[in-house]
Amino acid sequence: MTFRLVYRFGCLLLGRLRLLARSSTAKDVEILVLRHQLAVLQRSNPRPAFTGGDRAVLAALLRLLSKRHRSALKLLVTPRTMLRWHARLVAKKWTYPHRGPGRPAKPETLRALVLRLARENDG
């Protein structure tokens, strides 16, 4: 829920940035992408570890850039990786939790009552 809210807020904020002058907006977004990548690198030691929030921010920012600007930008991830992240996100959204087999267990009081009635009727 919070991830979706943060993503929506980020998209709205970045949409507003896009409405500014196009040339300066592209530069601003590029700076934001590079700063975010730098923050990820500073946070993780040997390998960059992207969290779900990091992936959402990068996806939202890169969505605002044109293909030409994206190809000129030095990214820590490849476009294929971004597509894989997106595919996993969509798969998670449409995957429903699976229940265990069979009926749910009866309450313990009901089980005790059934056993007591069975003992009384037996004798």
PDB file of N, CA and C in Angstrom:
ATOM      1  N   MET A   1       0.817  -1.180   0.000  1.00  0.00           N
ATOM      2  CA  MET A   1       0.000   0.000   0.000  1.00  0.00           C
ATOM      3  C   MET A   1       0.869   1.255   0.000  1.00  0.00           C
ATOM      4  N   THR A   2       1.841   1.303   0.914  1.00  0.00           N
ATOM      5  CA  THR A   2       2.695   2.493   0.975  1.00  0.00           C
ATOM      6  C   THR A   2       3.561   2.589  -0.272  1.00  0.00           C
ATOM      7  N   PHE A   3       3.991   1.441  -0.783  1.00  0.00           N
ATOM      8  CA  PHE A   3       4.806   1.445  -1.999  1.00  0.00           C
ATOM      9  C   PHE A   3       4.015   2.077  -3.141  1.00  0.00           C
ATOM     10  N   ARG A   4       2.744   1.703  -3.272  1.00  0.00           N
ATOM     11  CA  ARG A   4       1.908   2.236  -4.342  1.00  0.00           C
ATOM     12  C   ARG A   4       1.679   3.735  -4.151  1.00  0.00           C
ATOM     13  N   LEU A   5       1.484   4.137  -2.898  1.00  0.00           N
ATOM     14  CA  LEU A   5       1.260   5.548  -2.606  1.00  0.00           C
ATOM     15  C   LEU A   5       2.501   6.377  -2.927  1.00  0.00           C
ATOM     16  N   VAL A   6       3.650   5.872  -2.528  1.00  0.00           N
ATOM     17  CA  VAL A   6       4.906   6.583  -2.813  1.00  0.00           C
ATOM     18  C   VAL A   6       5.141   6.641  -4.318  1.00  0.00           C
ATOM     19  N   TYR A   7       4.860   5.541  -5.020  1.00  0.00           N
ATOM     20  CA  TYR A   7       5.037   5.516  -6.466  1.00  0.00           C
ATOM     21  C   TYR A   7       4.114   6.536  -7.143  1.00  0.00           C
ATOM     22  N   ARG A   8       2.850   6.573  -6.711  1.00  0.00           N
ATOM     23  CA  ARG A   8       1.905   7.541  -7.279  1.00  0.00           C
ATOM     24  C   ARG A   8       2.365   8.970  -7.036  1.00  0.00           C
ATOM     25  N   PHE A   9       2.796   9.235  -5.808  1.00  0.00           N
ATOM     26  CA  PHE A   9       3.256  10.574  -5.469  1.00  0.00           C
ATOM     27  C   PHE A   9       4.477  10.930  -6.315  1.00  0.00           C
ATOM     28  N   GLY A  10       5.384   9.970  -6.465  1.00  0.00           N
ATOM     29  CA  GLY A  10       6.564  10.221  -7.292  1.00  0.00           C
ATOM     30  C   GLY A  10       6.190  10.509  -8.735  1.00  0.00           C
ATOM     31  N   CYS A  11       5.236   9.756  -9.270  1.00  0.00           N
ATOM     32  CA  CYS A  11       4.802   9.986 -10.657  1.00  0.00           C
ATOM     33  C   CYS A  11       4.172  11.367 -10.815  1.00  0.00           C
ATOM     34  N   LEU A  12       3.351  11.744  -9.851  1.00  0.00           N
ATOM     35  CA  LEU A  12       2.737  13.072  -9.931  1.00  0.00           C
ATOM     36  C   LEU A  12       3.786  14.171  -9.842  1.00  0.00           C
ATOM     37  N   LEU A  13       4.712  13.997  -8.926  1.00  0.00           N
ATOM     38  CA  LEU A  13       5.765  14.993  -8.763  1.00  0.00           C
ATOM     39  C   LEU A  13       6.622  15.091 -10.025  1.00  0.00           C
ATOM     40  N   LEU A  14       6.981  13.952 -10.567  1.00  0.00           N
ATOM     41  CA  LEU A  14       7.800  13.965 -11.774  1.00  0.00           C
ATOM     42  C   LEU A  14       7.012  14.444 -12.987  1.00  0.00           C
ATOM     43  N   GLY A  15       5.703  14.212 -12.984  1.00  0.00           N
ATOM     44  CA  GLY A  15       4.869  14.746 -14.051  1.00  0.00           C
ATOM     45  C   GLY A  15       4.864  16.267 -14.049  1.00  0.00           C
ATOM     46  N   ARG A  16       4.859  16.820 -12.846  1.00  0.00           N
ATOM     47  CA  ARG A  16       4.936  18.281 -12.722  1.00  0.00           C
ATOM     48  C   ARG A  16       6.277  18.800 -13.208  1.00  0.00           C
ATOM     49  N   LEU A  17       7.328  18.056 -12.915  1.00  0.00           N
ATOM     50  CA  LEU A  17       8.647  18.461 -13.405  1.00  0.00           C
ATOM     51  C   LEU A  17       8.693  18.469 -14.931  1.00  0.00           C
ATOM     52  N   ARG A  18       7.996  17.505 -15.528  1.00  0.00           N
ATOM     53  CA  ARG A  18       8.000  17.402 -16.984  1.00  0.00           C
ATOM     54  C   ARG A  18       7.306  18.583 -17.641  1.00  0.00           C
ATOM     55  N   LEU A  19       6.351  19.193 -16.931  1.00  0.00           N
ATOM     56  CA  LEU A  19       5.627  20.329 -17.492  1.00  0.00           C
ATOM     57  C   LEU A  19       6.481  21.594 -17.568  1.00  0.00           C
ATOM     58  N   LEU A  20       7.553  21.620 -16.807  1.00  0.00           N
ATOM     59  CA  LEU A  20       8.448  22.777 -16.900  1.00  0.00           C
ATOM     60  C   LEU A  20       9.133  22.771 -18.256  1.00  0.00           C
ATOM     61  N   ALA A  21      10.011  23.662 -18.458  1.00  0.00           N
ATOM     62  CA  ALA A  21      10.723  23.730 -19.747  1.00  0.00           C
ATOM     63  C   ALA A  21      11.339  22.376 -20.066  1.00  0.00           C
ATOM     64  N   ARG A  22      11.098  21.894 -21.238  1.00  0.00           N
ATOM     65  CA  ARG A  22      11.503  20.543 -21.615  1.00  0.00           C
ATOM     66  C   ARG A  22      13.004  20.316 -21.486  1.00  0.00           C
ATOM     67  N   SER A  23      13.801  21.227 -21.947  1.00  0.00           N
ATOM     68  CA  SER A  23      15.246  20.994 -21.932  1.00  0.00           C
ATOM     69  C   SER A  23      15.781  20.953 -20.500  1.00  0.00           C
ATOM     70  N   SER A  24      15.331  21.853 -19.660  1.00  0.00           N
ATOM     71  CA  SER A  24      15.819  21.846 -18.286  1.00  0.00           C
ATOM     72  C   SER A  24      15.235  20.679 -17.497  1.00  0.00           C
ATOM     73  N   THR A  25      14.024  20.248 -17.836  1.00  0.00           N
ATOM     74  CA  THR A  25      13.418  19.115 -17.140  1.00  0.00           C
ATOM     75  C   THR A  25      14.200  17.842 -17.408  1.00  0.00           C
ATOM     76  N   ALA A  26      14.582  17.647 -18.648  1.00  0.00           N
ATOM     77  CA  ALA A  26      15.367  16.450 -18.974  1.00  0.00           C
ATOM     78  C   ALA A  26      16.663  16.443 -18.171  1.00  0.00           C
ATOM     79  N   LYS A  27      17.273  17.597 -18.034  1.00  0.00           N
ATOM     80  CA  LYS A  27      18.495  17.692 -17.241  1.00  0.00           C
ATOM     81  C   LYS A  27      18.222  17.417 -15.769  1.00  0.00           C
ATOM     82  N   ASP A  28      17.128  17.953 -15.260  1.00  0.00           N
ATOM     83  CA  ASP A  28      16.772  17.740 -13.855  1.00  0.00           C
ATOM     84  C   ASP A  28      16.510  16.265 -13.564  1.00  0.00           C
ATOM     85  N   VAL A  29      15.775  15.622 -14.453  1.00  0.00           N
ATOM     86  CA  VAL A  29      15.482  14.202 -14.259  1.00  0.00           C
ATOM     87  C   VAL A  29      16.763  13.382 -14.318  1.00  0.00           C
ATOM     88  N   GLU A  30      17.616  13.724 -15.257  1.00  0.00           N
ATOM     89  CA  GLU A  30      18.895  13.022 -15.368  1.00  0.00           C
ATOM     90  C   GLU A  30      19.711  13.181 -14.089  1.00  0.00           C
ATOM     91  N   ILE A  31      19.720  14.363 -13.538  1.00  0.00           N
ATOM     92  CA  ILE A  31      20.436  14.598 -12.275  1.00  0.00           C
ATOM     93  C   ILE A  31      19.812  13.791 -11.149  1.00  0.00           C
ATOM     94  N   LEU A  32      18.477  13.734 -11.106  1.00  0.00           N
ATOM     95  CA  LEU A  32      17.806  12.948 -10.076  1.00  0.00           C
ATOM     96  C   LEU A  32      18.124  11.461 -10.198  1.00  0.00           C
ATOM     97  N   VAL A  33      18.157  10.940 -11.428  1.00  0.00           N
ATOM     98  CA  VAL A  33      18.498   9.526 -11.638  1.00  0.00           C
ATOM     99  C   VAL A  33      19.914   9.257 -11.160  1.00  0.00           C
ATOM    100  N   LEU A  34      20.833  10.107 -11.549  1.00  0.00           N
ATOM    101  CA  LEU A  34      22.229   9.895 -11.157  1.00  0.00           C
ATOM    102  C   LEU A  34      22.415  10.030  -9.651  1.00  0.00           C
ATOM    103  N   ARG A  35      21.728  10.989  -9.035  1.00  0.00           N
ATOM    104  CA  ARG A  35      21.821  11.126  -7.575  1.00  0.00           C
ATOM    105  C   ARG A  35      21.241   9.909  -6.868  1.00  0.00           C
ATOM    106  N   HIS A  36      20.157   9.390  -7.403  1.00  0.00           N
ATOM    107  CA  HIS A  36      19.558   8.210  -6.781  1.00  0.00           C
ATOM    108  C   HIS A  36      20.485   6.998  -6.899  1.00  0.00           C
ATOM    109  N   GLN A  37      21.085   6.844  -8.056  1.00  0.00           N
ATOM    110  CA  GLN A  37      22.044   5.754  -8.216  1.00  0.00           C
ATOM    111  C   GLN A  37      23.229   5.906  -7.265  1.00  0.00           C
ATOM    112  N   LEU A  38      23.683   7.122  -7.090  1.00  0.00           N
ATOM    113  CA  LEU A  38      24.776   7.376  -6.162  1.00  0.00           C
ATOM    114  C   LEU A  38      24.377   7.026  -4.730  1.00  0.00           C
ATOM    115  N   ALA A  39      23.147   7.343  -4.358  1.00  0.00           N
ATOM    116  CA  ALA A  39      22.658   7.002  -3.016  1.00  0.00           C
ATOM    117  C   ALA A  39      22.605   5.494  -2.819  1.00  0.00           C
ATOM    118  N   VAL A  40      22.182   4.764  -3.852  1.00  0.00           N
ATOM    119  CA  VAL A  40      22.146   3.295  -3.769  1.00  0.00           C
ATOM    120  C   VAL A  40      23.557   2.747  -3.623  1.00  0.00           C
ATOM    121  N   LEU A  41      24.491   3.289  -4.369  1.00  0.00           N
ATOM    122  CA  LEU A  41      25.879   2.826  -4.292  1.00  0.00           C
ATOM    123  C   LEU A  41      26.494   3.119  -2.932  1.00  0.00           C
ATOM    124  N   GLN A  42      26.195   4.266  -2.367  1.00  0.00           N
ATOM    125  CA  GLN A  42      26.745   4.608  -1.061  1.00  0.00           C
ATOM    126  C   GLN A  42      26.136   3.760   0.044  1.00  0.00           C
ATOM    127  N   ARG A  43      24.905   3.334  -0.140  1.00  0.00           N
ATOM    128  CA  ARG A  43      24.222   2.534   0.863  1.00  0.00           C
ATOM    129  C   ARG A  43      24.704   1.084   0.880  1.00  0.00           C
ATOM    130  N   SER A  44      25.120   0.545  -0.253  1.00  0.00           N
ATOM    131  CA  SER A  44      25.520  -0.862  -0.339  1.00  0.00           C
ATOM    132  C   SER A  44      27.008  -0.954  -0.648  1.00  0.00           C
ATOM    133  N   ASN A  45      27.663  -1.930  -0.009  1.00  0.00           N
ATOM    134  CA  ASN A  45      29.120  -2.037  -0.143  1.00  0.00           C
ATOM    135  C   ASN A  45      29.586  -2.654  -1.454  1.00  0.00           C
ATOM    136  N   PRO A  46      29.639  -3.977  -1.589  1.00  0.00           N
ATOM    137  CA  PRO A  46      30.264  -4.521  -2.796  1.00  0.00           C
ATOM    138  C   PRO A  46      29.409  -4.413  -4.047  1.00  0.00           C
ATOM    139  N   ARG A  47      28.114  -4.717  -3.922  1.00  0.00           N
ATOM    140  CA  ARG A  47      27.215  -4.678  -5.078  1.00  0.00           C
ATOM    141  C   ARG A  47      26.026  -3.786  -4.774  1.00  0.00           C
ATOM    142  N   PRO A  48      25.546  -3.059  -5.755  1.00  0.00           N
ATOM    143  CA  PRO A  48      24.357  -2.237  -5.497  1.00  0.00           C
ATOM    144  C   PRO A  48      23.148  -3.131  -5.237  1.00  0.00           C
ATOM    145  N   ALA A  49      22.444  -2.841  -4.161  1.00  0.00           N
ATOM    146  CA  ALA A  49      21.243  -3.599  -3.802  1.00  0.00           C
ATOM    147  C   ALA A  49      20.044  -2.665  -3.914  1.00  0.00           C
ATOM    148  N   PHE A  50      19.240  -2.898  -4.914  1.00  0.00           N
ATOM    149  CA  PHE A  50      18.068  -2.061  -5.153  1.00  0.00           C
ATOM    150  C   PHE A  50      16.877  -2.616  -4.388  1.00  0.00           C
ATOM    151  N   THR A  51      16.237  -1.774  -3.592  1.00  0.00           N
ATOM    152  CA  THR A  51      15.009  -2.161  -2.908  1.00  0.00           C
ATOM    153  C   THR A  51      13.831  -1.910  -3.839  1.00  0.00           C
ATOM    154  N   GLY A  52      12.646  -2.295  -3.390  1.00  0.00           N
ATOM    155  CA  GLY A  52      11.452  -2.047  -4.199  1.00  0.00           C
ATOM    156  C   GLY A  52      11.229  -0.565  -4.448  1.00  0.00           C
ATOM    157  N   GLY A  53      11.499   0.238  -3.427  1.00  0.00           N
ATOM    158  CA  GLY A  53      11.350   1.684  -3.588  1.00  0.00           C
ATOM    159  C   GLY A  53      12.348   2.253  -4.578  1.00  0.00           C
ATOM    160  N   ASP A  54      13.587   1.746  -4.532  1.00  0.00           N
ATOM    161  CA  ASP A  54      14.609   2.199  -5.484  1.00  0.00           C
ATOM    162  C   ASP A  54      14.192   1.879  -6.912  1.00  0.00           C
ATOM    163  N   ARG A  55      13.653   0.684  -7.092  1.00  0.00           N
ATOM    164  CA  ARG A  55      13.213   0.275  -8.432  1.00  0.00           C
ATOM    165  C   ARG A  55      12.077   1.162  -8.929  1.00  0.00           C
ATOM    166  N   ALA A  56      11.142   1.481  -8.036  1.00  0.00           N
ATOM    167  CA  ALA A  56      10.007   2.320  -8.430  1.00  0.00           C
ATOM    168  C   ALA A  56      10.465   3.725  -8.793  1.00  0.00           C
ATOM    169  N   VAL A  57      11.391   4.282  -8.009  1.00  0.00           N
ATOM    170  CA  VAL A  57      11.882   5.635  -8.291  1.00  0.00           C
ATOM    171  C   VAL A  57      12.612   5.658  -9.625  1.00  0.00           C
ATOM    172  N   LEU A  58      13.488   4.679  -9.850  1.00  0.00           N
ATOM    173  CA  LEU A  58      14.217   4.637 -11.124  1.00  0.00           C
ATOM    174  C   LEU A  58      13.262   4.468 -12.299  1.00  0.00           C
ATOM    175  N   ALA A  59      12.284   3.589 -12.150  1.00  0.00           N
ATOM    176  CA  ALA A  59      11.335   3.365 -13.240  1.00  0.00           C
ATOM    177  C   ALA A  59      10.549   4.636 -13.546  1.00  0.00           C
ATOM    178  N   ALA A  60      10.118   5.329 -12.489  1.00  0.00           N
ATOM    179  CA  ALA A  60       9.353   6.564 -12.703  1.00  0.00           C
ATOM    180  C   ALA A  60      10.214   7.642 -13.344  1.00  0.00           C
ATOM    181  N   LEU A  61      11.456   7.756 -12.896  1.00  0.00           N
ATOM    182  CA  LEU A  61      12.333   8.783 -13.463  1.00  0.00           C
ATOM    183  C   LEU A  61      12.704   8.468 -14.912  1.00  0.00           C
ATOM    184  N   LEU A  62      13.036   7.227 -15.178  1.00  0.00           N
ATOM    185  CA  LEU A  62      13.441   6.867 -16.542  1.00  0.00           C
ATOM    186  C   LEU A  62      12.276   6.954 -17.519  1.00  0.00           C
ATOM    187  N   ARG A  63      11.071   6.834 -17.003  1.00  0.00           N
ATOM    188  CA  ARG A  63       9.898   6.960 -17.855  1.00  0.00           C
ATOM    189  C   ARG A  63       9.769   8.376 -18.418  1.00  0.00           C
ATOM    190  N   LEU A  64      10.295   9.351 -17.693  1.00  0.00           N
ATOM    191  CA  LEU A  64      10.187  10.739 -18.128  1.00  0.00           C
ATOM    192  C   LEU A  64      11.215  11.118 -19.191  1.00  0.00           C
ATOM    193  N   LEU A  65      12.264  10.329 -19.292  1.00  0.00           N
ATOM    194  CA  LEU A  65      13.313  10.652 -20.263  1.00  0.00           C
ATOM    195  C   LEU A  65      12.997  10.058 -21.624  1.00  0.00           C
ATOM    196  N   SER A  66      13.423  10.729 -22.668  1.00  0.00           N
ATOM    197  CA  SER A  66      13.246  10.187 -24.010  1.00  0.00           C
ATOM    198  C   SER A  66      14.239   9.044 -24.219  1.00  0.00           C
ATOM    199  N   LYS A  67      14.001   8.275 -25.241  1.00  0.00           N
ATOM    200  CA  LYS A  67      14.865   7.118 -25.529  1.00  0.00           C
ATOM    201  C   LYS A  67      16.301   7.575 -25.800  1.00  0.00           C
ATOM    202  N   ARG A  68      16.431   8.687 -26.447  1.00  0.00           N
ATOM    203  CA  ARG A  68      17.758   9.222 -26.758  1.00  0.00           C
ATOM    204  C   ARG A  68      18.510   9.591 -25.483  1.00  0.00           C
ATOM    205  N   HIS A  69      17.801  10.226 -24.552  1.00  0.00           N
ATOM    206  CA  HIS A  69      18.441  10.605 -23.291  1.00  0.00           C
ATOM    207  C   HIS A  69      18.763   9.383 -22.432  1.00  0.00           C
ATOM    208  N   ARG A  70      17.864   8.391 -22.459  1.00  0.00           N
ATOM    209  CA  ARG A  70      18.125   7.167 -21.685  1.00  0.00           C
ATOM    210  C   ARG A  70      19.346   6.434 -22.193  1.00  0.00           C
ATOM    211  N   SER A  71      19.517   6.388 -23.501  1.00  0.00           N
ATOM    212  CA  SER A  71      20.668   5.662 -24.053  1.00  0.00           C
ATOM    213  C   SER A  71      21.986   6.383 -23.761  1.00  0.00           C
ATOM    214  N   ALA A  72      21.943   7.695 -23.606  1.00  0.00           N
ATOM    215  CA  ALA A  72      23.157   8.452 -23.300  1.00  0.00           C
ATOM    216  C   ALA A  72      23.504   8.406 -21.818  1.00  0.00           C
ATOM    217  N   LEU A  73      22.558   8.003 -21.002  1.00  0.00           N
ATOM    218  CA  LEU A  73      22.741   8.004 -19.553  1.00  0.00           C
ATOM    219  C   LEU A  73      23.466   6.734 -19.104  1.00  0.00           C
ATOM    220  N   LYS A  74      24.397   6.882 -18.181  1.00  0.00           N
ATOM    221  CA  LYS A  74      25.116   5.728 -17.634  1.00  0.00           C
ATOM    222  C   LYS A  74      24.322   5.196 -16.449  1.00  0.00           C
ATOM    223  N   LEU A  75      23.756   4.015 -16.620  1.00  0.00           N
ATOM    224  CA  LEU A  75      22.908   3.426 -15.591  1.00  0.00           C
ATOM    225  C   LEU A  75      23.580   2.214 -14.961  1.00  0.00           C
ATOM    226  N   LEU A  76      23.207   1.937 -13.719  1.00  0.00           N
ATOM    227  CA  LEU A  76      23.711   0.742 -13.035  1.00  0.00           C
ATOM    228  C   LEU A  76      22.995  -0.512 -13.501  1.00  0.00           C
ATOM    229  N   VAL A  77      21.837  -0.338 -14.091  1.00  0.00           N
ATOM    230  CA  VAL A  77      21.057  -1.472 -14.577  1.00  0.00           C
ATOM    231  C   VAL A  77      20.825  -1.327 -16.074  1.00  0.00           C
ATOM    232  N   THR A  78      20.641  -2.453 -16.722  1.00  0.00           N
ATOM    233  CA  THR A  78      20.379  -2.441 -18.159  1.00  0.00           C
ATOM    234  C   THR A  78      18.874  -2.283 -18.389  1.00  0.00           C
ATOM    235  N   PRO A  79      18.487  -1.900 -19.585  1.00  0.00           N
ATOM    236  CA  PRO A  79      17.050  -1.830 -19.885  1.00  0.00           C
ATOM    237  C   PRO A  79      16.356  -3.178 -19.702  1.00  0.00           C
ATOM    238  N   ARG A  80      17.063  -4.254 -19.969  1.00  0.00           N
ATOM    239  CA  ARG A  80      16.496  -5.595 -19.782  1.00  0.00           C
ATOM    240  C   ARG A  80      16.168  -5.842 -18.310  1.00  0.00           C
ATOM    241  N   THR A  81      17.047  -5.359 -17.420  1.00  0.00           N
ATOM    242  CA  THR A  81      16.803  -5.498 -15.986  1.00  0.00           C
ATOM    243  C   THR A  81      15.568  -4.722 -15.581  1.00  0.00           C
ATOM    244  N   MET A  82      15.414  -3.516 -16.111  1.00  0.00           N
ATOM    245  CA  MET A  82      14.223  -2.715 -15.810  1.00  0.00           C
ATOM    246  C   MET A  82      12.956  -3.442 -16.274  1.00  0.00           C
ATOM    247  N   LEU A  83      13.000  -4.058 -17.447  1.00  0.00           N
ATOM    248  CA  LEU A  83      11.848  -4.806 -17.947  1.00  0.00           C
ATOM    249  C   LEU A  83      11.559  -6.019 -17.063  1.00  0.00           C
ATOM    250  N   ARG A  84      12.612  -6.682 -16.582  1.00  0.00           N
ATOM    251  CA  ARG A  84      12.434  -7.836 -15.696  1.00  0.00           C
ATOM    252  C   ARG A  84      11.778  -7.407 -14.381  1.00  0.00           C
ATOM    253  N   TRP A  85      12.223  -6.266 -13.832  1.00  0.00           N
ATOM    254  CA  TRP A  85      11.614  -5.735 -12.613  1.00  0.00           C
ATOM    255  C   TRP A  85      10.130  -5.460 -12.837  1.00  0.00           C
ATOM    256  N   HIS A  86       9.828  -4.865 -13.970  1.00  0.00           N
ATOM    257  CA  HIS A  86       8.438  -4.544 -14.276  1.00  0.00           C
ATOM    258  C   HIS A  86       7.619  -5.822 -14.420  1.00  0.00           C
ATOM    259  N   ALA A  87       8.163  -6.838 -15.086  1.00  0.00           N
ATOM    260  CA  ALA A  87       7.437  -8.096 -15.257  1.00  0.00           C
ATOM    261  C   ALA A  87       7.166  -8.758 -13.906  1.00  0.00           C
ATOM    262  N   ARG A  88       8.138  -8.710 -13.002  1.00  0.00           N
ATOM    263  CA  ARG A  88       7.924  -9.279 -11.668  1.00  0.00           C
ATOM    264  C   ARG A  88       6.859  -8.503 -10.899  1.00  0.00           C
ATOM    265  N   LEU A  89       6.871  -7.187 -11.036  1.00  0.00           N
ATOM    266  CA  LEU A  89       5.881  -6.364 -10.360  1.00  0.00           C
ATOM    267  C   LEU A  89       4.478  -6.704 -10.850  1.00  0.00           C
ATOM    268  N   VAL A  90       4.322  -6.863 -12.158  1.00  0.00           N
ATOM    269  CA  VAL A  90       3.017  -7.212 -12.720  1.00  0.00           C
ATOM    270  C   VAL A  90       2.623  -8.616 -12.285  1.00  0.00           C
ATOM    271  N   ALA A  91       3.575  -9.541 -12.271  1.00  0.00           N
ATOM    272  CA  ALA A  91       3.271 -10.913 -11.851  1.00  0.00           C
ATOM    273  C   ALA A  91       2.822 -10.951 -10.395  1.00  0.00           C
ATOM    274  N   LYS A  92       3.455 -10.149  -9.532  1.00  0.00           N
ATOM    275  CA  LYS A  92       3.050 -10.106  -8.127  1.00  0.00           C
ATOM    276  C   LYS A  92       1.649  -9.542  -7.980  1.00  0.00           C
ATOM    277  N   LYS A  93       1.317  -8.553  -8.790  1.00  0.00           N
ATOM    278  CA  LYS A  93      -0.001  -7.938  -8.684  1.00  0.00           C
ATOM    279  C   LYS A  93      -1.093  -8.933  -9.047  1.00  0.00           C
ATOM    280  N   TRP A  94      -0.866  -9.781 -10.019  1.00  0.00           N
ATOM    281  CA  TRP A  94      -1.902 -10.685 -10.496  1.00  0.00           C
ATOM    282  C   TRP A  94      -1.775 -12.096  -9.941  1.00  0.00           C
ATOM    283  N   THR A  95      -0.907 -12.305  -8.987  1.00  0.00           N
ATOM    284  CA  THR A  95      -0.785 -13.616  -8.359  1.00  0.00           C
ATOM    285  C   THR A  95      -1.560 -13.585  -7.051  1.00  0.00           C
ATOM    286  N   TYR A  96      -2.460 -14.508  -6.901  1.00  0.00           N
ATOM    287  CA  TYR A  96      -3.290 -14.549  -5.711  1.00  0.00           C
ATOM    288  C   TYR A  96      -2.688 -15.525  -4.701  1.00  0.00           C
ATOM    289  N   PRO A  97      -2.862 -15.263  -3.418  1.00  0.00           N
ATOM    290  CA  PRO A  97      -2.322 -16.189  -2.418  1.00  0.00           C
ATOM    291  C   PRO A  97      -3.051 -17.529  -2.488  1.00  0.00           C
ATOM    292  N   HIS A  98      -2.291 -18.591  -2.373  1.00  0.00           N
ATOM    293  CA  HIS A  98      -2.861 -19.929  -2.440  1.00  0.00           C
ATOM    294  C   HIS A  98      -3.208 -20.413  -1.038  1.00  0.00           C
ATOM    295  N   ARG A  99      -4.317 -21.074  -0.930  1.00  0.00           N
ATOM    296  CA  ARG A  99      -4.724 -21.649   0.344  1.00  0.00           C
ATOM    297  C   ARG A  99      -4.280 -23.095   0.403  1.00  0.00           C
ATOM    298  N   GLY A 100      -4.167 -23.579   1.611  1.00  0.00           N
ATOM    299  CA  GLY A 100      -3.816 -24.984   1.790  1.00  0.00           C
ATOM    300  C   GLY A 100      -4.966 -25.880   1.373  1.00  0.00           C
ATOM    301  N   PRO A 101      -4.702 -27.169   1.180  1.00  0.00           N
ATOM    302  CA  PRO A 101      -5.766 -28.076   0.742  1.00  0.00           C
ATOM    303  C   PRO A 101      -6.748 -28.366   1.878  1.00  0.00           C
ATOM    304  N   GLY A 102      -7.982 -28.681   1.526  1.00  0.00           N
ATOM    305  CA  GLY A 102      -8.971 -29.102   2.503  1.00  0.00           C
ATOM    306  C   GLY A 102      -9.713 -27.955   3.164  1.00  0.00           C
ATOM    307  N   ARG A 103     -10.585 -28.366   4.042  1.00  0.00           N
ATOM    308  CA  ARG A 103     -11.386 -27.390   4.777  1.00  0.00           C
ATOM    309  C   ARG A 103     -10.592 -26.827   5.947  1.00  0.00           C
ATOM    310  N   PRO A 104     -10.990 -25.657   6.418  1.00  0.00           N
ATOM    311  CA  PRO A 104     -10.324 -25.122   7.605  1.00  0.00           C
ATOM    312  C   PRO A 104     -10.687 -25.962   8.832  1.00  0.00           C
ATOM    313  N   ALA A 105      -9.824 -25.971   9.832  1.00  0.00           N
ATOM    314  CA  ALA A 105     -10.035 -26.766  11.039  1.00  0.00           C
ATOM    315  C   ALA A 105     -11.235 -26.231  11.821  1.00  0.00           C
ATOM    316  N   LYS A 106     -11.934 -27.154  12.467  1.00  0.00           N
ATOM    317  CA  LYS A 106     -13.073 -26.774  13.298  1.00  0.00           C
ATOM    318  C   LYS A 106     -12.565 -26.241  14.636  1.00  0.00           C
ATOM    319  N   PRO A 107     -13.362 -25.406  15.307  1.00  0.00           N
ATOM    320  CA  PRO A 107     -12.949 -24.909  16.623  1.00  0.00           C
ATOM    321  C   PRO A 107     -12.816 -26.059  17.630  1.00  0.00           C
ATOM    322  N   GLU A 108     -11.919 -25.913  18.571  1.00  0.00           N
ATOM    323  CA  GLU A 108     -11.642 -26.969  19.547  1.00  0.00           C
ATOM    324  C   GLU A 108     -12.870 -27.274  20.401  1.00  0.00           C
ATOM    325  N   THR A 109     -13.690 -26.281  20.700  1.00  0.00           N
ATOM    326  CA  THR A 109     -14.887 -26.520  21.513  1.00  0.00           C
ATOM    327  C   THR A 109     -15.875 -27.428  20.784  1.00  0.00           C
ATOM    328  N   LEU A 110     -15.998 -27.251  19.480  1.00  0.00           N
ATOM    329  CA  LEU A 110     -16.889 -28.105  18.689  1.00  0.00           C
ATOM    330  C   LEU A 110     -16.366 -29.534  18.662  1.00  0.00           C
ATOM    331  N   ARG A 111     -15.084 -29.698  18.537  1.00  0.00           N
ATOM    332  CA  ARG A 111     -14.496 -31.047  18.521  1.00  0.00           C
ATOM    333  C   ARG A 111     -14.719 -31.741  19.856  1.00  0.00           C
ATOM    334  N   ALA A 112     -14.532 -30.994  20.949  1.00  0.00           N
ATOM    335  CA  ALA A 112     -14.737 -31.578  22.273  1.00  0.00           C
ATOM    336  C   ALA A 112     -16.200 -31.985  22.461  1.00  0.00           C
ATOM    337  N   LEU A 113     -17.133 -31.168  21.967  1.00  0.00           N
ATOM    338  CA  LEU A 113     -18.550 -31.487  22.082  1.00  0.00           C
ATOM    339  C   LEU A 113     -18.890 -32.753  21.313  1.00  0.00           C
ATOM    340  N   VAL A 114     -18.398 -32.889  20.104  1.00  0.00           N
ATOM    341  CA  VAL A 114     -18.665 -34.072  19.285  1.00  0.00           C
ATOM    342  C   VAL A 114     -18.108 -35.317  19.965  1.00  0.00           C
ATOM    343  N   LEU A 115     -16.904 -35.243  20.507  1.00  0.00           N
ATOM    344  CA  LEU A 115     -16.311 -36.400  21.197  1.00  0.00           C
ATOM    345  C   LEU A 115     -17.102 -36.758  22.456  1.00  0.00           C
ATOM    346  N   ARG A 116     -17.561 -35.768  23.190  1.00  0.00           N
ATOM    347  CA  ARG A 116     -18.338 -36.036  24.397  1.00  0.00           C
ATOM    348  C   ARG A 116     -19.666 -36.709  24.038  1.00  0.00           C
ATOM    349  N   LEU A 117     -20.328 -36.210  22.985  1.00  0.00           N
ATOM    350  CA  LEU A 117     -21.599 -36.826  22.568  1.00  0.00           C
ATOM    351  C   LEU A 117     -21.379 -38.247  22.074  1.00  0.00           C
ATOM    352  N   ALA A 118     -20.271 -38.494  21.401  1.00  0.00           N
ATOM    353  CA  ALA A 118     -19.972 -39.852  20.927  1.00  0.00           C
ATOM    354  C   ALA A 118     -19.749 -40.794  22.100  1.00  0.00           C
ATOM    355  N   ARG A 119     -19.076 -40.355  23.162  1.00  0.00           N
ATOM    356  CA  ARG A 119     -18.845 -41.204  24.339  1.00  0.00           C
ATOM    357  C   ARG A 119     -20.159 -41.483  25.066  1.00  0.00           C
ATOM    358  N   GLU A 120     -21.004 -40.453  25.174  1.00  0.00           N
ATOM    359  CA  GLU A 120     -22.283 -40.640  25.884  1.00  0.00           C
ATOM    360  C   GLU A 120     -23.211 -41.576  25.139  1.00  0.00           C
ATOM    361  N   ASN A 121     -23.233 -41.508  23.839  1.00  0.00           N
ATOM    362  CA  ASN A 121     -24.123 -42.369  23.040  1.00  0.00           C
ATOM    363  C   ASN A 121     -23.593 -43.790  22.912  1.00  0.00           C
ATOM    364  N   ASP A 122     -22.344 -44.006  23.180  1.00  0.00           N
ATOM    365  CA  ASP A 122     -21.726 -45.314  23.048  1.00  0.00           C
ATOM    366  C   ASP A 122     -22.182 -46.245  24.173  1.00  0.00           C
ATOM    367  N   GLY A 123     -22.410 -45.711  25.341  1.00  0.00           N
ATOM    368  CA  GLY A 123     -22.652 -46.505  26.545  1.00  0.00           C
ATOM    369  C   GLY A 123     -24.056 -46.773  26.811  1.00  0.00           C
TER     370      GLY A 123
END
